[in-house]
N, C-alpha and C. Protein backbone atom coordinates (compact mmCIF):
# COMPACT_ATOMS: atom_id res chain seq x y z
N UNK A 1 102.92 -67.32 6.90
CA UNK A 1 101.83 -66.82 6.01
C UNK A 1 102.96 -65.40 5.78
N UNK A 2 103.32 -65.01 6.97
CA UNK A 2 104.06 -63.99 7.04
C UNK A 2 105.89 -64.23 5.71
N UNK A 3 106.42 -65.03 6.11
CA UNK A 3 107.20 -64.87 5.33
C UNK A 3 106.71 -65.44 3.81
N UNK A 4 105.63 -65.40 3.51
CA UNK A 4 105.26 -66.04 2.09
C UNK A 4 104.48 -64.50 1.37
N UNK A 5 104.52 -63.83 2.26
CA UNK A 5 103.82 -62.73 1.52
C UNK A 5 102.51 -62.36 1.56
N UNK A 6 102.01 -63.52 2.10
CA UNK A 6 100.21 -63.50 1.94
C UNK A 6 99.86 -62.35 2.73
N UNK A 7 99.21 -61.73 2.10
CA UNK A 7 98.35 -60.29 3.05
C UNK A 7 97.46 -60.97 4.31
N UNK A 8 97.74 -60.37 5.25
CA UNK A 8 96.48 -60.89 6.22
C UNK A 8 95.71 -59.27 6.06
N UNK A 9 94.06 -59.85 6.83
CA UNK A 9 93.14 -58.73 6.67
C UNK A 9 93.07 -58.31 8.07
N UNK A 10 93.14 -59.29 8.94
CA UNK A 10 92.98 -59.06 10.25
C UNK A 10 93.16 -60.30 10.86
N UNK A 11 93.33 -59.85 12.59
CA UNK A 11 93.74 -61.05 13.49
C UNK A 11 93.93 -60.36 14.81
N UNK A 12 93.99 -61.57 15.56
CA UNK A 12 93.38 -61.30 17.36
C UNK A 12 94.86 -59.94 17.47
N UNK A 13 94.76 -58.99 18.08
CA UNK A 13 95.27 -57.98 18.20
C UNK A 13 96.19 -58.22 19.44
N UNK A 14 95.23 -58.32 20.44
CA UNK A 14 95.40 -58.38 21.58
C UNK A 14 96.91 -58.60 22.62
N UNK A 15 97.58 -59.95 21.45
CA UNK A 15 98.82 -60.66 22.40
C UNK A 15 99.32 -60.93 21.23
N UNK A 16 99.91 -59.98 20.32
CA UNK A 16 100.74 -60.03 19.13
C UNK A 16 102.09 -60.09 19.57
N UNK A 17 102.74 -61.66 19.06
CA UNK A 17 104.46 -61.79 19.04
C UNK A 17 104.96 -60.60 18.78
N UNK A 18 106.64 -60.35 19.88
CA UNK A 18 107.02 -59.87 19.37
C UNK A 18 107.80 -59.08 17.60
N UNK A 19 107.64 -60.91 17.59
CA UNK A 19 108.33 -61.37 16.02
C UNK A 19 107.42 -60.86 14.82
N UNK A 20 105.87 -60.97 14.95
CA UNK A 20 104.92 -60.06 13.87
C UNK A 20 104.44 -58.77 14.61
N UNK A 21 105.15 -58.12 15.38
CA UNK A 21 104.89 -56.32 15.82
C UNK A 21 104.18 -55.67 14.48
N UNK A 22 104.77 -56.32 13.68
CA UNK A 22 104.37 -55.27 12.31
C UNK A 22 102.74 -55.56 12.00
N UNK A 23 102.38 -56.30 12.98
CA UNK A 23 100.64 -56.65 12.62
C UNK A 23 100.39 -55.91 13.64
N UNK A 24 100.48 -55.43 14.43
CA UNK A 24 100.35 -54.68 15.64
C UNK A 24 99.78 -53.17 14.73
N UNK A 25 98.87 -53.23 13.99
CA UNK A 25 98.93 -51.96 13.80
C UNK A 25 97.47 -51.79 12.98
N UNK A 26 96.45 -50.05 13.46
CA UNK A 26 95.53 -50.39 12.97
C UNK A 26 95.03 -50.62 11.27
N UNK A 27 95.80 -50.73 10.75
CA UNK A 27 95.52 -51.22 9.45
C UNK A 27 95.30 -52.53 9.03
N UNK A 28 95.22 -53.24 10.19
CA UNK A 28 94.59 -54.47 10.45
C UNK A 28 93.35 -54.61 11.35
N UNK A 29 92.34 -55.62 11.11
CA UNK A 29 91.24 -55.31 12.12
C UNK A 29 91.41 -55.85 12.62
N UNK A 30 90.99 -55.88 14.32
CA UNK A 30 91.15 -56.21 15.26
C UNK A 30 90.31 -57.21 15.47
N UNK A 31 90.52 -58.93 15.41
CA UNK A 31 89.07 -59.36 14.94
C UNK A 31 88.67 -60.37 16.68
N UNK A 32 88.95 -59.55 18.04
CA UNK A 32 88.91 -60.06 19.29
C UNK A 32 90.09 -60.89 19.82
N UNK A 33 89.96 -61.76 20.91
CA UNK A 33 90.90 -62.41 21.10
C UNK A 33 91.15 -63.60 20.55
N UNK A 34 92.12 -64.66 20.87
CA UNK A 34 91.94 -65.98 20.52
C UNK A 34 90.93 -66.81 21.09
N UNK A 35 90.55 -66.41 21.91
CA UNK A 35 89.57 -67.07 22.65
C UNK A 35 88.15 -66.76 23.19
N UNK A 36 87.98 -65.71 21.97
CA UNK A 36 86.54 -64.34 22.13
C UNK A 36 86.92 -63.93 20.64
N UNK A 37 86.44 -64.22 19.50
CA UNK A 37 86.69 -63.73 18.20
C UNK A 37 85.38 -62.68 18.39
N UNK A 38 85.66 -61.27 17.74
CA UNK A 38 85.18 -60.40 17.45
C UNK A 38 83.91 -60.62 15.93
N UNK A 39 83.28 -61.61 16.32
CA UNK A 39 82.27 -62.14 15.51
C UNK A 39 81.70 -60.88 14.41
N UNK A 40 81.05 -60.24 15.13
CA UNK A 40 80.56 -59.02 14.14
C UNK A 40 81.98 -58.44 14.06
N UNK A 41 83.06 -58.15 13.92
CA UNK A 41 83.52 -57.36 13.00
C UNK A 41 83.83 -58.64 11.99
N UNK A 42 84.68 -59.54 12.01
CA UNK A 42 84.67 -60.61 11.48
C UNK A 42 83.56 -60.52 10.02
N UNK A 43 82.81 -60.23 10.28
CA UNK A 43 81.33 -60.19 9.72
C UNK A 43 81.52 -59.33 8.40
N UNK A 44 81.63 -58.14 9.45
CA UNK A 44 81.65 -56.73 8.27
C UNK A 44 83.19 -56.53 7.34
N UNK A 45 83.84 -58.09 8.00
CA UNK A 45 84.94 -57.53 6.78
C UNK A 45 84.79 -58.33 5.59
N UNK A 46 83.73 -59.28 5.76
CA UNK A 46 83.45 -60.06 4.42
C UNK A 46 84.81 -60.95 3.94
N UNK A 47 85.41 -61.50 4.80
CA UNK A 47 86.58 -62.46 4.51
C UNK A 47 86.43 -63.41 3.47
N UNK A 48 87.49 -63.71 2.59
CA UNK A 48 87.62 -64.53 1.13
C UNK A 48 87.67 -65.88 2.39
N UNK A 49 88.48 -65.80 3.38
CA UNK A 49 88.66 -67.17 3.98
C UNK A 49 88.81 -66.62 5.65
N UNK A 50 88.61 -67.64 6.21
CA UNK A 50 89.12 -67.81 7.53
C UNK A 50 89.75 -69.12 8.03
N UNK A 51 91.14 -68.40 8.69
CA UNK A 51 91.94 -69.59 9.39
C UNK A 51 92.25 -69.66 10.86
N UNK A 52 91.46 -70.82 10.84
CA UNK A 52 91.79 -71.37 12.26
C UNK A 52 92.64 -72.02 13.16
N UNK A 53 93.05 -71.88 14.40
CA UNK A 53 93.52 -72.89 14.93
C UNK A 53 93.19 -73.41 16.33
N UNK A 54 94.05 -74.52 17.41
CA UNK A 54 93.15 -74.98 18.10
C UNK A 54 92.25 -74.25 19.03
N UNK A 55 92.72 -72.79 19.82
CA UNK A 55 91.90 -72.16 20.65
C UNK A 55 90.61 -71.63 19.47
N UNK A 56 90.47 -72.04 18.53
CA UNK A 56 89.49 -71.61 17.98
C UNK A 56 88.25 -72.33 17.37
N UNK A 57 88.69 -73.94 17.35
CA UNK A 57 88.40 -75.01 17.01
C UNK A 57 86.78 -74.87 17.29
N UNK A 58 86.57 -75.01 18.57
CA UNK A 58 85.11 -75.20 18.98
C UNK A 58 84.12 -74.32 18.13
N UNK A 59 84.21 -73.39 17.98
CA UNK A 59 83.55 -72.04 17.19
C UNK A 59 83.75 -72.24 15.35
N UNK A 60 84.36 -73.36 15.26
CA UNK A 60 84.24 -73.58 14.18
C UNK A 60 82.76 -72.89 13.23
N UNK A 61 82.23 -74.03 13.47
CA UNK A 61 80.79 -73.98 12.48
C UNK A 61 80.51 -72.42 12.82
N UNK A 62 80.62 -70.81 13.42
CA UNK A 62 79.96 -70.08 13.62
C UNK A 62 81.03 -69.34 12.92
N UNK A 63 82.78 -69.59 12.70
CA UNK A 63 83.16 -68.87 11.15
C UNK A 63 82.74 -69.78 10.26
N UNK A 64 82.31 -70.52 10.08
CA UNK A 64 81.89 -71.56 8.59
C UNK A 64 80.42 -70.77 7.86
N UNK A 65 79.75 -70.16 8.88
CA UNK A 65 78.83 -69.23 8.55
C UNK A 65 78.76 -68.02 7.92
N UNK A 66 80.30 -67.75 8.54
CA UNK A 66 80.80 -66.05 7.87
C UNK A 66 80.59 -66.29 6.89
N UNK A 67 82.20 -67.34 5.99
CA UNK A 67 83.25 -67.71 5.35
C UNK A 67 83.82 -68.53 5.36
N UNK A 68 84.41 -69.75 3.99
CA UNK A 68 85.06 -70.57 3.96
C UNK A 68 86.06 -70.49 5.03
N UNK A 69 86.25 -71.86 5.99
CA UNK A 69 86.99 -71.89 7.01
C UNK A 69 87.58 -72.97 7.29
N UNK A 70 89.16 -73.09 7.40
CA UNK A 70 90.08 -74.02 7.24
C UNK A 70 90.42 -73.94 9.10
N UNK A 71 90.72 -75.31 9.03
CA UNK A 71 91.50 -75.55 10.70
C UNK A 71 92.83 -76.32 10.06
N UNK A 72 94.06 -75.28 10.85
CA UNK A 72 95.13 -75.76 10.92
C UNK A 72 95.91 -75.80 12.45
N UNK A 73 95.26 -76.66 12.95
CA UNK A 73 96.03 -76.86 14.40
C UNK A 73 97.47 -77.76 14.23
N UNK A 74 97.93 -77.80 15.29
CA UNK A 74 99.00 -78.73 15.43
C UNK A 74 98.76 -79.95 16.23
N UNK A 75 99.21 -81.33 15.31
CA UNK A 75 99.32 -82.47 16.66
C UNK A 75 100.67 -82.98 17.05
N UNK A 76 100.76 -82.68 18.41
CA UNK A 76 101.89 -82.45 18.84
C UNK A 76 102.62 -83.84 18.77
N UNK A 77 101.84 -84.64 18.93
CA UNK A 77 102.15 -86.16 19.30
C UNK A 77 103.50 -86.38 17.38
N UNK A 78 103.00 -85.20 16.66
CA UNK A 78 103.62 -85.67 15.36
C UNK A 78 103.96 -84.56 14.79
N UNK A 79 104.60 -83.66 15.09
CA UNK A 79 104.67 -82.22 15.36
C UNK A 79 104.91 -81.45 13.56
N UNK A 80 105.93 -81.82 13.51
CA UNK A 80 106.83 -81.82 12.17
C UNK A 80 106.05 -82.01 10.95
N UNK A 81 105.32 -83.50 11.06
CA UNK A 81 104.46 -83.22 9.75
C UNK A 81 103.15 -82.82 9.96
N UNK A 82 102.54 -82.61 11.22
CA UNK A 82 101.32 -81.76 11.07
C UNK A 82 101.60 -80.58 11.26
N UNK A 83 102.45 -79.46 11.52
CA UNK A 83 103.42 -78.65 10.52
C UNK A 83 103.70 -78.38 9.49
N UNK A 84 103.96 -79.34 8.89
CA UNK A 84 104.16 -79.47 7.15
C UNK A 84 103.41 -79.17 6.27
N UNK A 85 102.07 -80.48 6.44
CA UNK A 85 101.00 -79.91 6.21
C UNK A 85 99.99 -78.76 6.33
N UNK A 86 99.98 -78.37 7.52
CA UNK A 86 99.23 -77.00 7.30
C UNK A 86 100.06 -76.25 6.38
N UNK A 87 101.69 -76.26 6.90
CA UNK A 87 102.03 -74.82 5.30
C UNK A 87 101.61 -75.10 4.37
N UNK A 88 101.33 -76.85 3.98
CA UNK A 88 101.51 -76.77 2.47
C UNK A 88 99.97 -76.57 1.91
N UNK A 89 99.03 -77.20 2.53
CA UNK A 89 97.90 -76.31 2.63
C UNK A 89 97.98 -74.34 2.35
N UNK A 90 98.08 -74.20 3.50
CA UNK A 90 98.53 -72.72 3.03
C UNK A 90 98.94 -72.61 1.28
N UNK A 91 99.91 -73.28 1.23
CA UNK A 91 100.67 -72.84 0.27
C UNK A 91 99.90 -73.00 -1.26
N UNK A 92 98.77 -74.21 -1.31
CA UNK A 92 97.97 -75.02 -2.13
C UNK A 92 96.90 -73.69 -2.22
N UNK A 93 96.12 -73.12 -1.03
CA UNK A 93 95.61 -71.88 -1.25
C UNK A 93 95.40 -70.89 -1.95
N UNK A 94 96.78 -70.08 -1.73
CA UNK A 94 97.47 -69.23 -1.82
C UNK A 94 98.46 -69.06 -3.52
N UNK A 95 98.30 -70.76 -3.85
CA UNK A 95 99.93 -70.45 -4.66
C UNK A 95 100.82 -70.40 -4.59
N UNK A 96 101.18 -70.80 -3.68
CA UNK A 96 102.36 -70.32 -3.15
C UNK A 96 102.98 -71.82 -3.09
N UNK A 97 102.94 -72.98 -3.44
CA UNK A 97 103.60 -73.97 -3.14
C UNK A 97 105.04 -74.20 -3.56
N UNK A 98 105.69 -73.67 -4.30
CA UNK A 98 106.92 -73.51 -4.74
C UNK A 98 107.62 -73.00 -3.27
N UNK A 99 107.20 -71.78 -2.95
CA UNK A 99 107.77 -70.86 -1.84
C UNK A 99 107.88 -71.74 -0.69
N UNK A 100 106.53 -72.52 -0.47
CA UNK A 100 106.35 -73.58 0.67
C UNK A 100 107.25 -74.30 0.75
N UNK A 101 107.65 -75.44 -0.50
CA UNK A 101 108.76 -76.35 -0.28
C UNK A 101 110.02 -75.54 0.25
N UNK A 102 110.56 -74.36 -0.38
CA UNK A 102 111.21 -73.98 -0.01
C UNK A 102 111.81 -73.32 1.37
N UNK A 103 110.85 -73.23 1.84
CA UNK A 103 110.73 -72.91 3.31
C UNK A 103 110.81 -74.25 4.18
N UNK A 104 110.13 -75.08 3.79
CA UNK A 104 110.33 -76.16 4.31
C UNK A 104 111.51 -76.92 4.45
N UNK A 105 112.25 -77.00 3.53
CA UNK A 105 113.45 -77.39 2.97
C UNK A 105 114.72 -76.56 3.91
N UNK A 106 114.40 -75.46 3.85
CA UNK A 106 114.98 -74.67 4.54
C UNK A 106 114.96 -74.31 6.51
N UNK A 107 113.87 -74.86 6.73
CA UNK A 107 114.11 -75.60 7.95
C UNK A 107 114.46 -76.98 8.61
N UNK A 108 114.34 -77.77 7.33
CA UNK A 108 114.46 -78.89 7.93
C UNK A 108 116.27 -79.13 7.61
N UNK A 109 116.73 -77.93 6.66
CA UNK A 109 118.27 -77.99 7.12
C UNK A 109 119.12 -77.26 8.47
N UNK A 110 117.78 -76.20 8.69
CA UNK A 110 118.23 -76.06 10.26
C UNK A 110 117.88 -76.96 11.56
N UNK A 111 117.41 -77.98 11.31
CA UNK A 111 117.11 -79.12 12.19
C UNK A 111 118.34 -79.38 11.93
N UNK A 112 118.45 -80.74 11.01
CA UNK A 112 119.53 -81.30 10.65
C UNK A 112 120.76 -79.96 10.93
N UNK A 113 121.09 -79.42 10.82
CA UNK A 113 122.50 -78.29 11.45
C UNK A 113 122.34 -78.57 12.84
N UNK A 114 121.17 -78.28 13.50
CA UNK A 114 121.05 -78.76 15.30
C UNK A 114 121.54 -79.77 15.73
N UNK A 115 120.90 -80.83 15.07
CA UNK A 115 121.29 -82.34 15.42
C UNK A 115 122.57 -82.22 15.05
N UNK A 116 123.05 -81.95 14.20
CA UNK A 116 124.53 -82.27 13.48
C UNK A 116 125.66 -81.72 15.62
N UNK A 117 124.73 -80.31 15.23
CA UNK A 117 125.85 -79.49 16.46
C UNK A 117 125.48 -80.39 17.49
N UNK A 118 124.69 -80.72 18.26
CA UNK A 118 124.20 -80.98 19.60
C UNK A 118 124.81 -82.97 19.57
N UNK A 119 125.32 -83.17 18.60
CA UNK A 119 125.93 -84.64 18.39
C UNK A 119 127.80 -84.22 18.43
N UNK A 120 127.88 -83.46 18.04
CA UNK A 120 129.27 -83.06 18.17
C UNK A 120 130.09 -82.79 19.44
N UNK A 121 128.51 -82.51 20.62
CA UNK A 121 128.84 -81.97 21.79
C UNK A 121 129.40 -82.80 22.32
């Protein structure tokens, strides 16, 4: 979403990874932690959409009472297929389908380059 320029209104800010440090800012609502969402804060935001993953899956119904909710978990047995499906879903929702396909093609190119590099060594 970050690479696609999709605005984020809130996120669990307790453990924001370094590569997403721009989101550790008070302009984004802190919606609790990955395992303990702040449902009151989320409800007060009146979100158009809530996106959850594995750590929030068991709370799906509670999120869905607040706003439309989608689950974008990863199937680790089929990681890339799962990742691509989720990216395409986000692209469709936010009308960024062409951008998603470009990003996915770039990722495929990088994977192919790494494989070629490993074979040559």
